[in-house]
Protein backbone atom coordinates (compact mmCIF):
# COMPACT_ATOMS: atom_id res chain seq x y z
CA MET A 1 -18.42 21.14 -11.08
CA GLU A 2 -16.22 19.11 -8.75
CA ILE A 3 -17.43 18.79 -5.16
CA GLU A 4 -14.62 18.65 -2.61
CA VAL A 5 -14.77 15.87 0.00
CA SER A 6 -13.57 16.89 3.46
CA GLU A 7 -10.62 15.10 5.07
CA GLU A 8 -12.89 13.75 7.81
CA ALA A 9 -15.29 12.30 5.22
CA LYS A 10 -12.37 10.78 3.29
CA ARG A 11 -11.10 9.03 6.42
CA GLU A 12 -14.60 7.77 7.22
CA ILE A 13 -15.13 6.46 3.66
CA LEU A 14 -11.80 4.63 3.66
CA LYS A 15 -12.47 3.19 7.11
CA LEU A 16 -15.92 1.96 6.09
CA ILE A 17 -14.83 0.57 2.70
CA SER A 18 -12.09 -1.46 4.38
CA THR A 19 -14.59 -2.98 6.83
CA PRO A 20 -15.77 -6.40 5.64
CA GLY A 21 -19.48 -6.60 4.86
CA VAL A 22 -20.08 -2.85 4.44
CA GLU A 23 -21.76 -1.99 1.14
CA ILE A 24 -21.42 1.28 -0.80
CA GLU A 25 -25.09 2.08 -0.14
CA GLU A 26 -24.41 1.95 3.62
CA ILE A 27 -21.48 4.33 3.21
CA VAL A 28 -23.71 6.75 1.27
CA LYS A 29 -26.17 6.81 4.17
CA LYS A 30 -23.53 7.15 6.91
CA VAL A 31 -21.40 9.82 5.23
CA LYS A 32 -24.41 11.59 3.67
CA LEU A 33 -22.76 12.18 0.32
CA ASP A 34 -23.95 11.35 -3.17
CA TYR A 35 -23.15 7.88 -4.53
CA ASP A 36 -21.27 9.32 -7.52
CA ILE A 37 -19.09 11.54 -5.31
CA ILE A 38 -18.07 8.58 -3.18
CA MET A 39 -17.36 6.41 -6.23
CA ASN A 40 -15.27 9.17 -7.84
CA PHE A 41 -13.26 9.56 -4.62
CA LEU A 42 -12.69 5.80 -4.39
CA SER A 43 -11.65 5.53 -8.03
CA ASP A 44 -9.19 8.41 -7.58
CA GLU A 45 -7.71 6.71 -4.51
CA PHE A 46 -7.53 3.40 -6.38
CA LEU A 47 -5.59 5.00 -9.22
CA LYS A 48 -3.33 7.06 -6.92
CA HIS A 49 -2.34 4.25 -4.56
CA ASN A 50 -2.75 1.14 -6.75
CA LEU A 51 -5.01 -0.54 -4.18
CA ASP A 52 -5.30 -3.64 -6.37
CA TYR A 53 -1.59 -4.51 -6.11
CA GLY A 54 -2.02 -7.35 -3.59
CA ARG A 55 -4.77 -8.98 -5.62
CA ARG A 56 -2.68 -8.92 -8.79
CA ILE A 57 0.23 -10.66 -7.06
CA CYS A 58 -2.08 -13.20 -5.41
CA CYS A 59 -3.92 -14.15 -8.57
CA ARG A 60 -0.91 -14.19 -10.88
CA TYR A 61 0.18 -17.67 -9.75
């Protein structure tokens, strides 16, 4: 069963994950969602938006 993440929680997760020094465990406590739910959301966003694009260009040369 897939648990839906609210838009507010999605914004908060993305804001926290983009903040330097914030660990996934801290996001779990602040957003009060299960670790697996947050990781599934982040992996979906990674695949949808190719968030690794800048790193691939940087490390290619």
